[in-house]
C-alpha atoms as a PDB file:
ATOM      1  CA  MET A   1       0.000   0.000   0.000  1.00  0.00           C
ATOM      2  CA  PRO A   2       1.933   3.021  -1.212  1.00  0.00           C
ATOM      3  CA  ILE A   3       1.759   6.482   0.288  1.00  0.00           C
ATOM      4  CA  TYR A   4       1.730   9.262  -2.300  1.00  0.00           C
ATOM      5  CA  GLU A   5       2.413  12.950  -1.748  1.00  0.00           C
ATOM      6  CA  PHE A   6       0.504  15.721  -3.469  1.00  0.00           C
ATOM      7  CA  ARG A   7       1.151  19.495  -3.455  1.00  0.00           C
ATOM      8  CA  CYS A   8      -1.771  21.912  -3.425  1.00  0.00           C
ATOM      9  CA  VAL A   9      -1.479  24.109  -6.507  1.00  0.00           C
ATOM     10  CA  LYS A  10      -3.117  27.027  -4.686  1.00  0.00           C
ATOM     11  CA  CYS A  11      -1.029  27.259  -1.482  1.00  0.00           C
ATOM     12  CA  GLY A  12       1.799  24.696  -1.810  1.00  0.00           C
ATOM     13  CA  ASN A  13       0.727  22.579   1.193  1.00  0.00           C
ATOM     14  CA  ILE A  14       1.794  18.922   0.921  1.00  0.00           C
ATOM     15  CA  GLU A  15      -0.728  16.162   1.660  1.00  0.00           C
ATOM     16  CA  GLU A  16       0.072  12.447   2.074  1.00  0.00           C
ATOM     17  CA  VAL A  17      -2.446   9.892   0.798  1.00  0.00           C
ATOM     18  CA  LEU A  18      -2.424   6.152   1.513  1.00  0.00           C
ATOM     19  CA  ILE A  19      -3.690   4.251  -1.534  1.00  0.00           C
ATOM     20  CA  ILE A  20      -5.260   0.919  -0.589  1.00  0.00           C
ATOM     21  CA  SER A  21      -6.590  -0.117  -4.007  1.00  0.00           C
ATOM     22  CA  SER A  22      -5.910   1.084  -7.549  1.00  0.00           C
ATOM     23  CA  SER A  23      -9.673   1.291  -8.119  1.00  0.00           C
ATOM     24  CA  GLU A  24     -10.211   3.476  -5.028  1.00  0.00           C
ATOM     25  CA  GLN A  25     -11.573   6.958  -5.744  1.00  0.00           C
ATOM     26  CA  ILE A  26      -9.803   9.643  -3.686  1.00  0.00           C
ATOM     27  CA  GLU A  27     -11.203  13.132  -3.162  1.00  0.00           C
ATOM     28  CA  LEU A  28      -8.484  15.547  -2.038  1.00  0.00           C
ATOM     29  CA  LYS A  29      -9.146  18.829  -0.256  1.00  0.00           C
ATOM     30  CA  CYS A  30      -6.284  20.927   1.056  1.00  0.00           C
ATOM     31  CA  LYS A  31      -6.321  21.112   4.855  1.00  0.00           C
ATOM     32  CA  GLN A  32      -4.743  24.590   4.705  1.00  0.00           C
ATOM     33  CA  CYS A  33      -6.769  26.477   2.094  1.00  0.00           C
ATOM     34  CA  GLY A  34      -9.553  24.089   1.030  1.00  0.00           C
ATOM     35  CA  GLY A  35      -8.225  23.957  -2.540  1.00  0.00           C
ATOM     36  CA  ASP A  36      -8.972  20.930  -4.683  1.00  0.00           C
ATOM     37  CA  SER A  37      -6.253  21.193  -7.347  1.00  0.00           C
ATOM     38  CA  PHE A  38      -3.157  19.079  -6.645  1.00  0.00           C
ATOM     39  CA  GLU A  39      -0.030  17.881  -8.411  1.00  0.00           C
ATOM     40  CA  ARG A  40       1.734  14.666  -7.474  1.00  0.00           C
ATOM     41  CA  ILE A  41       5.280  15.104  -6.222  1.00  0.00           C
ATOM     42  CA  VAL A  42       8.165  12.657  -5.940  1.00  0.00           C
ATOM     43  CA  SER A  43       8.666  11.692  -2.315  1.00  0.00           C
ATOM     44  CA  ARG A  44      12.017  11.474  -0.608  1.00  0.00           C
ATOM     45  CA  THR A  45      12.990   8.056   0.615  1.00  0.00           C
ATOM     46  CA  SER A  46      15.198   6.776   3.395  1.00  0.00           C
ATOM     47  CA  HIS A  47      15.478   3.299   1.851  1.00  0.00           C
ATOM     48  CA  PHE A  48      17.638   2.523  -1.098  1.00  0.00           C
ATOM     49  CA  VAL A  49      19.503  -0.364  -2.643  1.00  0.00           C
ATOM     50  CA  LYS A  50      23.181   0.187  -3.292  1.00  0.00           C
ATOM     51  CA  PRO A  51      23.944  -1.200  -6.737  1.00  0.00           C
ATOM     52  CA  SER A  52      27.062  -3.219  -7.403  1.00  0.00           C
ATOM     53  CA  SER A  53      29.754  -1.524  -9.457  1.00  0.00           C
ATOM     54  CA  SER A  54      28.346  -3.059 -12.669  1.00  0.00           C
ATOM     55  CA  GLU A  55      24.775  -1.852 -12.103  1.00  0.00           C
ATOM     56  CA  ALA A  56      23.545   1.673 -12.706  1.00  0.00           C
ATOM     57  CA  PRO A  57      20.133   3.365 -12.691  1.00  0.00           C
ATOM     58  CA  SER A  58      18.585   3.890 -16.115  1.00  0.00           C
ATOM     59  CA  LEU A  59      16.429   6.798 -17.246  1.00  0.00           C
ATOM     60  CA  THR A  60      13.673   6.413 -19.828  1.00  0.00           C
ATOM     61  CA  THR A  61      12.026   9.561 -21.196  1.00  0.00           C
ATOM     62  CA  ARG A  62       8.832   9.559 -23.229  1.00  0.00           C
ATOM     63  CA  SER A  63       6.235  12.025 -24.473  1.00  0.00           C
ATOM     64  CA  CYS A  64       3.301  12.330 -22.033  1.00  0.00           C
ATOM     65  CA  SER A  65       1.271  14.917 -23.900  1.00  0.00           C
ATOM     66  CA  PRO A  66       1.959  17.422 -26.663  1.00  0.00           C
ATOM     67  CA  GLY A  67       4.856  19.604 -25.574  1.00  0.00           C
ATOM     68  CA  SER A  68       5.724  17.724 -22.356  1.00  0.00           C
ATOM     69  CA  SER A  69       7.718  14.673 -21.385  1.00  0.00           C
ATOM     70  CA  CYS A  70       7.799  12.204 -18.497  1.00  0.00           C
ATOM     71  CA  SER A  71      10.770  10.256 -17.188  1.00  0.00           C
ATOM     72  CA  THR A  72      11.006   6.934 -15.394  1.00  0.00           C
ATOM     73  CA  ILE A  73      14.045   5.910 -13.347  1.00  0.00           C
ATOM     74  CA  THR A  74      14.716   2.172 -13.065  1.00  0.00           C
ATOM     75  CA  LEU A  75      16.775   1.339  -9.995  1.00  0.00           C
ATOM     76  CA  PRO A  76      19.048  -1.717  -9.888  1.00  0.00           C
ATOM     77  CA  GLY A  77      17.922  -4.336  -7.395  1.00  0.00           C
ATOM     78  CA  HIS A  78      14.335  -3.046  -7.391  1.00  0.00           C
ATOM     79  CA  THR A  79      11.683  -5.578  -8.306  1.00  0.00           C
ATOM     80  CA  ARG A  80       7.988  -4.999  -8.876  1.00  0.00           C
END
């Protein structure tokens, strides 16, 4: 069950949301300003896997929508 972080577009407040199911509908309201427009942010982590000298993270970039791109980082030792 992952915890995601979202930033309120209106005031910048960060909210954490625990996602129990991928089909779950979440309604976010900012606890600071009551705003309902959020952007997902990349969370910091305190857990990591140190790759061996032969392994390195890989970056894949793709087009998400006209004029913008998204990137995915694949970490060595990480399994889905």
